[in-house]
């Protein structure tokens, strides 16, 4: 199952439960007492998901590892390519 399909499945299930509560298909005293919280819950979930996404992006950026050996190897390959092009007559 791909991540997209997982997200769509979970979102559909949560939306179905939320819609049944808001639409009045489920009757219970506790639901009626907390209807304002139920109505606002999608906004709260979107805000929490945004905070999670920003936190994960910042964490991954700050813990991104540098590959010093790969950088040196790439610089050596660039110098070799420039030398080869210079020998073939390309001037810049």
PDB file of N, CA and C in Angstrom:
ATOM      1  N   UNK A   1       0.847  -1.167   0.000  1.00  0.00           N
ATOM      2  CA  UNK A   1       0.000   0.000   0.000  1.00  0.00           C
ATOM      3  C   UNK A   1       0.897   1.237   0.000  1.00  0.00           C
ATOM      4  N   UNK A   2       0.652   2.137  -0.893  1.00  0.00           N
ATOM      5  CA  UNK A   2       1.472   3.340  -0.963  1.00  0.00           C
ATOM      6  C   UNK A   2       1.067   4.319   0.135  1.00  0.00           C
ATOM      7  N   UNK A   3       1.953   5.278   0.383  1.00  0.00           N
ATOM      8  CA  UNK A   3       1.662   6.284   1.417  1.00  0.00           C
ATOM      9  C   UNK A   3       0.419   7.093   1.069  1.00  0.00           C
ATOM     10  N   UNK A   4       0.265   7.416  -0.212  1.00  0.00           N
ATOM     11  CA  UNK A   4      -0.911   8.184  -0.615  1.00  0.00           C
ATOM     12  C   UNK A   4      -2.184   7.421  -0.296  1.00  0.00           C
ATOM     13  N   UNK A   5      -2.197   6.129  -0.587  1.00  0.00           N
ATOM     14  CA  UNK A   5      -3.379   5.322  -0.311  1.00  0.00           C
ATOM     15  C   UNK A   5      -3.630   5.215   1.194  1.00  0.00           C
ATOM     16  N   UNK A   6      -2.567   5.137   1.982  1.00  0.00           N
ATOM     17  CA  UNK A   6      -2.734   5.115   3.435  1.00  0.00           C
ATOM     18  C   UNK A   6      -3.354   6.423   3.930  1.00  0.00           C
ATOM     19  N   UNK A   7      -2.849   7.550   3.444  1.00  0.00           N
ATOM     20  CA  UNK A   7      -3.378   8.849   3.864  1.00  0.00           C
ATOM     21  C   UNK A   7      -4.832   8.998   3.439  1.00  0.00           C
ATOM     22  N   UNK A   8      -5.156   8.587   2.233  1.00  0.00           N
ATOM     23  CA  UNK A   8      -6.544   8.702   1.757  1.00  0.00           C
ATOM     24  C   UNK A   8      -7.461   7.813   2.588  1.00  0.00           C
ATOM     25  N   UNK A   9      -7.012   6.617   2.923  1.00  0.00           N
ATOM     26  CA  UNK A   9      -7.834   5.696   3.717  1.00  0.00           C
ATOM     27  C   UNK A   9      -8.111   6.254   5.108  1.00  0.00           C
ATOM     28  N   UNK A  10      -7.074   6.705   5.766  1.00  0.00           N
ATOM     29  CA  UNK A  10      -7.246   7.230   7.126  1.00  0.00           C
ATOM     30  C   UNK A  10      -8.083   8.501   7.113  1.00  0.00           C
ATOM     31  N   UNK A  11      -7.818   9.383   6.149  1.00  0.00           N
ATOM     32  CA  UNK A  11      -8.585  10.622   6.059  1.00  0.00           C
ATOM     33  C   UNK A  11     -10.056  10.335   5.783  1.00  0.00           C
ATOM     34  N   UNK A  12     -10.337   9.377   4.920  1.00  0.00           N
ATOM     35  CA  UNK A  12     -11.725   9.017   4.622  1.00  0.00           C
ATOM     36  C   UNK A  12     -12.433   8.452   5.852  1.00  0.00           C
ATOM     37  N   UNK A  13     -11.741   7.610   6.596  1.00  0.00           N
ATOM     38  CA  UNK A  13     -12.348   7.035   7.800  1.00  0.00           C
ATOM     39  C   UNK A  13     -12.636   8.117   8.842  1.00  0.00           C
ATOM     40  N   UNK A  14     -11.681   9.016   9.046  1.00  0.00           N
ATOM     41  CA  UNK A  14     -11.875  10.092  10.026  1.00  0.00           C
ATOM     42  C   UNK A  14     -13.001  11.018   9.567  1.00  0.00           C
ATOM     43  N   UNK A  15     -13.024  11.336   8.272  1.00  0.00           N
ATOM     44  CA  UNK A  15     -14.081  12.198   7.756  1.00  0.00           C
ATOM     45  C   UNK A  15     -15.452  11.531   7.903  1.00  0.00           C
ATOM     46  N   UNK A  16     -15.536  10.226   7.680  1.00  0.00           N
ATOM     47  CA  UNK A  16     -16.813   9.522   7.811  1.00  0.00           C
ATOM     48  C   UNK A  16     -17.326   9.580   9.252  1.00  0.00           C
ATOM     49  N   UNK A  17     -16.436   9.377  10.211  1.00  0.00           N
ATOM     50  CA  UNK A  17     -16.835   9.445  11.622  1.00  0.00           C
ATOM     51  C   UNK A  17     -17.256  10.873  11.976  1.00  0.00           C
ATOM     52  N   UNK A  18     -16.473  11.857  11.538  1.00  0.00           N
ATOM     53  CA  UNK A  18     -16.799  13.255  11.831  1.00  0.00           C
ATOM     54  C   UNK A  18     -18.135  13.641  11.211  1.00  0.00           C
ATOM     55  N   UNK A  19     -18.364  13.234   9.971  1.00  0.00           N
ATOM     56  CA  UNK A  19     -19.608  13.569   9.294  1.00  0.00           C
ATOM     57  C   UNK A  19     -20.816  12.914   9.970  1.00  0.00           C
ATOM     58  N   UNK A  20     -20.641  11.697  10.453  1.00  0.00           N
ATOM     59  CA  UNK A  20     -21.746  11.040  11.138  1.00  0.00           C
ATOM     60  C   UNK A  20     -22.070  11.734  12.464  1.00  0.00           C
ATOM     61  N   UNK A  21     -21.061  12.277  13.123  1.00  0.00           N
ATOM     62  CA  UNK A  21     -21.301  13.006  14.369  1.00  0.00           C
ATOM     63  C   UNK A  21     -21.964  14.356  14.093  1.00  0.00           C
ATOM     64  N   UNK A  22     -21.485  15.066  13.088  1.00  0.00           N
ATOM     65  CA  UNK A  22     -22.038  16.381  12.775  1.00  0.00           C
ATOM     66  C   UNK A  22     -23.429  16.263  12.164  1.00  0.00           C
ATOM     67  N   UNK A  23     -23.634  15.251  11.351  1.00  0.00           N
ATOM     68  CA  UNK A  23     -24.921  15.082  10.682  1.00  0.00           C
ATOM     69  C   UNK A  23     -26.030  14.591  11.581  1.00  0.00           C
ATOM     70  N   UNK A  24     -25.708  14.205  12.782  1.00  0.00           N
ATOM     71  CA  UNK A  24     -26.726  13.768  13.720  1.00  0.00           C
ATOM     72  C   UNK A  24     -27.126  12.307  13.559  1.00  0.00           C
ATOM     73  N   UNK A  25     -26.310  11.530  12.871  1.00  0.00           N
ATOM     74  CA  UNK A  25     -26.623  10.109  12.694  1.00  0.00           C
ATOM     75  C   UNK A  25     -26.375   9.306  13.965  1.00  0.00           C
ATOM     76  N   UNK A  26     -25.524   9.841  14.826  1.00  0.00           N
ATOM     77  CA  UNK A  26     -25.236   9.194  16.100  1.00  0.00           C
ATOM     78  C   UNK A  26     -25.759  10.100  17.201  1.00  0.00           C
ATOM     79  N   UNK A  27     -26.643   9.576  18.020  1.00  0.00           N
ATOM     80  CA  UNK A  27     -27.242  10.366  19.105  1.00  0.00           C
ATOM     81  C   UNK A  27     -26.657   9.923  20.438  1.00  0.00           C
ATOM     82  N   UNK A  28     -26.118  10.882  21.150  1.00  0.00           N
ATOM     83  CA  UNK A  28     -25.618  10.619  22.484  1.00  0.00           C
ATOM     84  C   UNK A  28     -25.519  11.957  23.208  1.00  0.00           C
ATOM     85  N   UNK A  29     -25.715  11.931  24.502  1.00  0.00           N
ATOM     86  CA  UNK A  29     -25.702  13.157  25.293  1.00  0.00           C
ATOM     87  C   UNK A  29     -24.308  13.802  25.258  1.00  0.00           C
ATOM     88  N   UNK A  30     -23.266  13.006  25.323  1.00  0.00           N
ATOM     89  CA  UNK A  30     -21.902  13.516  25.316  1.00  0.00           C
ATOM     90  C   UNK A  30     -21.576  14.217  23.996  1.00  0.00           C
ATOM     91  N   UNK A  31     -22.073  13.674  22.907  1.00  0.00           N
ATOM     92  CA  UNK A  31     -21.843  14.280  21.593  1.00  0.00           C
ATOM     93  C   UNK A  31     -22.550  15.623  21.504  1.00  0.00           C
ATOM     94  N   UNK A  32     -23.767  15.689  21.999  1.00  0.00           N
ATOM     95  CA  UNK A  32     -24.523  16.946  21.959  1.00  0.00           C
ATOM     96  C   UNK A  32     -23.887  18.021  22.833  1.00  0.00           C
ATOM     97  N   UNK A  33     -23.296  17.629  23.963  1.00  0.00           N
ATOM     98  CA  UNK A  33     -22.647  18.596  24.839  1.00  0.00           C
ATOM     99  C   UNK A  33     -21.361  19.156  24.227  1.00  0.00           C
ATOM    100  N   UNK A  34     -20.668  18.366  23.430  1.00  0.00           N
ATOM    101  CA  UNK A  34     -19.383  18.773  22.867  1.00  0.00           C
ATOM    102  C   UNK A  34     -19.451  19.046  21.359  1.00  0.00           C
ATOM    103  N   UNK A  35     -20.584  19.484  20.866  1.00  0.00           N
ATOM    104  CA  UNK A  35     -20.745  19.688  19.427  1.00  0.00           C
ATOM    105  C   UNK A  35     -19.820  20.789  18.906  1.00  0.00           C
ATOM    106  N   UNK A  36     -19.581  21.841  19.701  1.00  0.00           N
ATOM    107  CA  UNK A  36     -18.681  22.901  19.218  1.00  0.00           C
ATOM    108  C   UNK A  36     -17.257  22.361  19.042  1.00  0.00           C
ATOM    109  N   UNK A  37     -16.827  21.515  19.956  1.00  0.00           N
ATOM    110  CA  UNK A  37     -15.501  20.901  19.831  1.00  0.00           C
ATOM    111  C   UNK A  37     -15.436  19.993  18.605  1.00  0.00           C
ATOM    112  N   UNK A  38     -16.499  19.268  18.333  1.00  0.00           N
ATOM    113  CA  UNK A  38     -16.542  18.387  17.166  1.00  0.00           C
ATOM    114  C   UNK A  38     -16.525  19.202  15.880  1.00  0.00           C
ATOM    115  N   UNK A  39     -17.232  20.320  15.866  1.00  0.00           N
ATOM    116  CA  UNK A  39     -17.262  21.158  14.670  1.00  0.00           C
ATOM    117  C   UNK A  39     -15.906  21.802  14.376  1.00  0.00           C
ATOM    118  N   UNK A  40     -15.153  22.127  15.413  1.00  0.00           N
ATOM    119  CA  UNK A  40     -13.869  22.806  15.250  1.00  0.00           C
ATOM    120  C   UNK A  40     -12.709  21.813  15.080  1.00  0.00           C
ATOM    121  N   UNK A  41     -12.932  20.555  15.345  1.00  0.00           N
ATOM    122  CA  UNK A  41     -11.850  19.569  15.326  1.00  0.00           C
ATOM    123  C   UNK A  41     -11.105  19.471  13.991  1.00  0.00           C
ATOM    124  N   UNK A  42     -11.738  19.585  12.815  1.00  0.00           N
ATOM    125  CA  UNK A  42     -10.934  19.536  11.577  1.00  0.00           C
ATOM    126  C   UNK A  42      -9.924  20.674  11.484  1.00  0.00           C
ATOM    127  N   UNK A  43     -10.287  21.852  11.945  1.00  0.00           N
ATOM    128  CA  UNK A  43      -9.352  22.978  11.922  1.00  0.00           C
ATOM    129  C   UNK A  43      -8.182  22.709  12.855  1.00  0.00           C
ATOM    130  N   UNK A  44      -8.473  22.158  14.021  1.00  0.00           N
ATOM    131  CA  UNK A  44      -7.423  21.823  14.979  1.00  0.00           C
ATOM    132  C   UNK A  44      -6.500  20.759  14.392  1.00  0.00           C
ATOM    133  N   UNK A  45      -7.046  19.760  13.720  1.00  0.00           N
ATOM    134  CA  UNK A  45      -6.228  18.713  13.117  1.00  0.00           C
ATOM    135  C   UNK A  45      -5.345  19.254  12.003  1.00  0.00           C
ATOM    136  N   UNK A  46      -5.851  20.180  11.216  1.00  0.00           N
ATOM    137  CA  UNK A  46      -5.041  20.782  10.144  1.00  0.00           C
ATOM    138  C   UNK A  46      -3.894  21.591  10.747  1.00  0.00           C
ATOM    139  N   UNK A  47      -4.162  22.325  11.811  1.00  0.00           N
ATOM    140  CA  UNK A  47      -3.115  23.106  12.469  1.00  0.00           C
ATOM    141  C   UNK A  47      -2.059  22.178  13.068  1.00  0.00           C
ATOM    142  N   UNK A  48      -2.496  21.114  13.721  1.00  0.00           N
ATOM    143  CA  UNK A  48      -1.547  20.156  14.299  1.00  0.00           C
ATOM    144  C   UNK A  48      -0.719  19.466  13.224  1.00  0.00           C
ATOM    145  N   UNK A  49      -1.347  19.123  12.102  1.00  0.00           N
ATOM    146  CA  UNK A  49      -0.608  18.500  11.006  1.00  0.00           C
ATOM    147  C   UNK A  49       0.421  19.475  10.432  1.00  0.00           C
ATOM    148  N   UNK A  50       0.063  20.748  10.322  1.00  0.00           N
ATOM    149  CA  UNK A  50       1.013  21.752   9.844  1.00  0.00           C
ATOM    150  C   UNK A  50       2.202  21.891  10.777  1.00  0.00           C
ATOM    151  N   UNK A  51       1.945  21.907  12.078  1.00  0.00           N
ATOM    152  CA  UNK A  51       3.037  21.980  13.045  1.00  0.00           C
ATOM    153  C   UNK A  51       3.935  20.747  12.962  1.00  0.00           C
ATOM    154  N   UNK A  52       3.323  19.594  12.794  1.00  0.00           N
ATOM    155  CA  UNK A  52       4.103  18.356  12.640  1.00  0.00           C
ATOM    156  C   UNK A  52       4.970  18.420  11.389  1.00  0.00           C
ATOM    157  N   UNK A  53       4.390  18.880  10.274  1.00  0.00           N
ATOM    158  CA  UNK A  53       5.130  18.945   9.020  1.00  0.00           C
ATOM    159  C   UNK A  53       6.306  19.918   9.130  1.00  0.00           C
ATOM    160  N   UNK A  54       6.077  21.082   9.703  1.00  0.00           N
ATOM    161  CA  UNK A  54       7.156  22.062   9.862  1.00  0.00           C
ATOM    162  C   UNK A  54       8.242  21.512  10.783  1.00  0.00           C
ATOM    163  N   UNK A  55       7.843  20.861  11.853  1.00  0.00           N
ATOM    164  CA  UNK A  55       8.811  20.281  12.782  1.00  0.00           C
ATOM    165  C   UNK A  55       9.656  19.218  12.095  1.00  0.00           C
ATOM    166  N   UNK A  56       9.030  18.354  11.306  1.00  0.00           N
ATOM    167  CA  UNK A  56       9.780  17.291  10.628  1.00  0.00           C
ATOM    168  C   UNK A  56      10.735  17.868   9.590  1.00  0.00           C
ATOM    169  N   UNK A  57      10.300  18.866   8.839  1.00  0.00           N
ATOM    170  CA  UNK A  57      11.179  19.471   7.831  1.00  0.00           C
ATOM    171  C   UNK A  57      12.374  20.135   8.510  1.00  0.00           C
ATOM    172  N   UNK A  58      12.124  20.903   9.564  1.00  0.00           N
ATOM    173  CA  UNK A  58      13.230  21.549  10.267  1.00  0.00           C
ATOM    174  C   UNK A  58      14.177  20.538  10.899  1.00  0.00           C
ATOM    175  N   UNK A  59      13.638  19.482  11.468  1.00  0.00           N
ATOM    176  CA  UNK A  59      14.488  18.447  12.061  1.00  0.00           C
ATOM    177  C   UNK A  59      15.367  17.797  11.000  1.00  0.00           C
ATOM    178  N   UNK A  60      14.786  17.474   9.860  1.00  0.00           N
ATOM    179  CA  UNK A  60      15.564  16.827   8.791  1.00  0.00           C
ATOM    180  C   UNK A  60      16.611  17.776   8.211  1.00  0.00           C
ATOM    181  N   UNK A  61      16.303  19.061   8.157  1.00  0.00           N
ATOM    182  CA  UNK A  61      17.283  20.031   7.648  1.00  0.00           C
ATOM    183  C   UNK A  61      18.446  20.167   8.624  1.00  0.00           C
ATOM    184  N   UNK A  62      18.150  20.266   9.914  1.00  0.00           N
ATOM    185  CA  UNK A  62      19.209  20.458  10.895  1.00  0.00           C
ATOM    186  C   UNK A  62      20.049  19.210  11.118  1.00  0.00           C
ATOM    187  N   UNK A  63      19.501  18.027  10.865  1.00  0.00           N
ATOM    188  CA  UNK A  63      20.269  16.797  11.064  1.00  0.00           C
ATOM    189  C   UNK A  63      20.789  16.221   9.754  1.00  0.00           C
ATOM    190  N   UNK A  64      20.768  17.029   8.694  1.00  0.00           N
ATOM    191  CA  UNK A  64      21.273  16.569   7.402  1.00  0.00           C
ATOM    192  C   UNK A  64      22.783  16.404   7.505  1.00  0.00           C
ATOM    193  N   UNK A  65      23.273  15.239   7.116  1.00  0.00           N
ATOM    194  CA  UNK A  65      24.701  14.985   7.261  1.00  0.00           C
ATOM    195  C   UNK A  65      25.465  15.448   6.024  1.00  0.00           C
ATOM    196  N   UNK A  66      26.668  15.949   6.267  1.00  0.00           N
ATOM    197  CA  UNK A  66      27.553  16.364   5.188  1.00  0.00           C
ATOM    198  C   UNK A  66      28.453  15.196   4.816  1.00  0.00           C
ATOM    199  N   UNK A  67      28.684  15.039   3.543  1.00  0.00           N
ATOM    200  CA  UNK A  67      29.562  13.977   3.057  1.00  0.00           C
ATOM    201  C   UNK A  67      30.850  14.633   2.576  1.00  0.00           C
ATOM    202  N   UNK A  68      31.784  14.798   3.477  1.00  0.00           N
ATOM    203  CA  UNK A  68      33.033  15.483   3.152  1.00  0.00           C
ATOM    204  C   UNK A  68      33.828  14.717   2.105  1.00  0.00           C
ATOM    205  N   UNK A  69      33.867  13.398   2.225  1.00  0.00           N
ATOM    206  CA  UNK A  69      34.620  12.594   1.259  1.00  0.00           C
ATOM    207  C   UNK A  69      34.010  12.695  -0.129  1.00  0.00           C
ATOM    208  N   UNK A  70      32.710  12.646  -0.208  1.00  0.00           N
ATOM    209  CA  UNK A  70      32.040  12.748  -1.503  1.00  0.00           C
ATOM    210  C   UNK A  70      32.244  14.139  -2.105  1.00  0.00           C
ATOM    211  N   UNK A  71      32.267  15.169  -1.277  1.00  0.00           N
ATOM    212  CA  UNK A  71      32.485  16.523  -1.772  1.00  0.00           C
ATOM    213  C   UNK A  71      33.891  16.662  -2.342  1.00  0.00           C
ATOM    214  N   UNK A  72      34.889  16.097  -1.656  1.00  0.00           N
ATOM    215  CA  UNK A  72      36.264  16.147  -2.164  1.00  0.00           C
ATOM    216  C   UNK A  72      36.389  15.371  -3.472  1.00  0.00           C
ATOM    217  N   UNK A  73      35.747  14.217  -3.545  1.00  0.00           N
ATOM    218  CA  UNK A  73      35.779  13.415  -4.762  1.00  0.00           C
ATOM    219  C   UNK A  73      35.120  14.151  -5.927  1.00  0.00           C
ATOM    220  N   UNK A  74      34.011  14.804  -5.663  1.00  0.00           N
ATOM    221  CA  UNK A  74      33.326  15.562  -6.704  1.00  0.00           C
ATOM    222  C   UNK A  74      34.175  16.741  -7.179  1.00  0.00           C
ATOM    223  N   UNK A  75      34.820  17.434  -6.258  1.00  0.00           N
ATOM    224  CA  UNK A  75      35.699  18.543  -6.643  1.00  0.00           C
ATOM    225  C   UNK A  75      36.862  18.046  -7.499  1.00  0.00           C
ATOM    226  N   UNK A  76      37.403  16.875  -7.154  1.00  0.00           N
ATOM    227  CA  UNK A  76      38.493  16.305  -7.956  1.00  0.00           C
ATOM    228  C   UNK A  76      38.004  15.956  -9.354  1.00  0.00           C
ATOM    229  N   UNK A  77      36.794  15.419  -9.466  1.00  0.00           N
ATOM    230  CA  UNK A  77      36.234  15.093 -10.779  1.00  0.00           C
ATOM    231  C   UNK A  77      35.982  16.360 -11.600  1.00  0.00           C
ATOM    232  N   UNK A  78      35.556  17.436 -10.955  1.00  0.00           N
ATOM    233  CA  UNK A  78      35.336  18.703 -11.657  1.00  0.00           C
ATOM    234  C   UNK A  78      36.657  19.244 -12.191  1.00  0.00           C
ATOM    235  N   UNK A  79      37.701  19.181 -11.386  1.00  0.00           N
ATOM    236  CA  UNK A  79      39.015  19.662 -11.822  1.00  0.00           C
ATOM    237  C   UNK A  79      39.521  18.820 -12.984  1.00  0.00           C
ATOM    238  N   UNK A  80      39.342  17.499 -12.896  1.00  0.00           N
ATOM    239  CA  UNK A  80      39.772  16.618 -13.984  1.00  0.00           C
ATOM    240  C   UNK A  80      38.980  16.901 -15.257  1.00  0.00           C
ATOM    241  N   UNK A  81      37.681  17.157 -15.150  1.00  0.00           N
ATOM    242  CA  UNK A  81      36.862  17.446 -16.329  1.00  0.00           C
ATOM    243  C   UNK A  81      37.269  18.782 -16.949  1.00  0.00           C
ATOM    244  N   UNK A  82      37.547  19.777 -16.125  1.00  0.00           N
ATOM    245  CA  UNK A  82      37.998  21.066 -16.653  1.00  0.00           C
ATOM    246  C   UNK A  82      39.340  20.924 -17.382  1.00  0.00           C
ATOM    247  N   UNK A  83      40.237  20.157 -16.793  1.00  0.00           N
ATOM    248  CA  UNK A  83      41.539  19.930 -17.413  1.00  0.00           C
ATOM    249  C   UNK A  83      41.371  19.228 -18.754  1.00  0.00           C
ATOM    250  N   UNK A  84      40.501  18.219 -18.785  1.00  0.00           N
ATOM    251  CA  UNK A  84      40.246  17.482 -20.029  1.00  0.00           C
ATOM    252  C   UNK A  84      39.639  18.399 -21.093  1.00  0.00           C
ATOM    253  N   UNK A  85      38.696  19.224 -20.710  1.00  0.00           N
ATOM    254  CA  UNK A  85      38.080  20.145 -21.665  1.00  0.00           C
ATOM    255  C   UNK A  85      39.076  21.209 -22.139  1.00  0.00           C
ATOM    256  N   UNK A  86      39.955  21.639 -21.220  1.00  0.00           N
ATOM    257  CA  UNK A  86      40.975  22.617 -21.599  1.00  0.00           C
ATOM    258  C   UNK A  86      41.942  22.011 -22.618  1.00  0.00           C
ATOM    259  N   UNK A  87      42.293  20.720 -22.433  1.00  0.00           N
ATOM    260  CA  UNK A  87      43.179  20.053 -23.388  1.00  0.00           C
ATOM    261  C   UNK A  87      42.515  19.860 -24.747  1.00  0.00           C
ATOM    262  N   UNK A  88      41.189  19.752 -24.779  1.00  0.00           N
ATOM    263  CA  UNK A  88      40.480  19.583 -26.033  1.00  0.00           C
ATOM    264  C   UNK A  88      40.169  20.907 -26.730  1.00  0.00           C
ATOM    265  N   UNK A  89      40.579  22.012 -26.116  1.00  0.00           N
ATOM    266  CA  UNK A  89      40.463  23.291 -26.763  1.00  0.00           C
ATOM    267  C   UNK A  89      39.313  24.170 -26.285  1.00  0.00           C
ATOM    268  N   UNK A  90      38.600  23.785 -25.256  1.00  0.00           N
ATOM    269  CA  UNK A  90      37.517  24.619 -24.747  1.00  0.00           C
ATOM    270  C   UNK A  90      38.094  25.634 -23.763  1.00  0.00           C
ATOM    271  N   UNK A  91      37.869  26.906 -24.048  1.00  0.00           N
ATOM    272  CA  UNK A  91      38.377  27.983 -23.193  1.00  0.00           C
ATOM    273  C   UNK A  91      37.204  28.778 -22.632  1.00  0.00           C
ATOM    274  N   UNK A  92      37.285  29.147 -21.387  1.00  0.00           N
ATOM    275  CA  UNK A  92      36.253  30.007 -20.796  1.00  0.00           C
ATOM    276  C   UNK A  92      36.853  31.038 -19.905  1.00  0.00           C
TER     277      UNK A  92
END
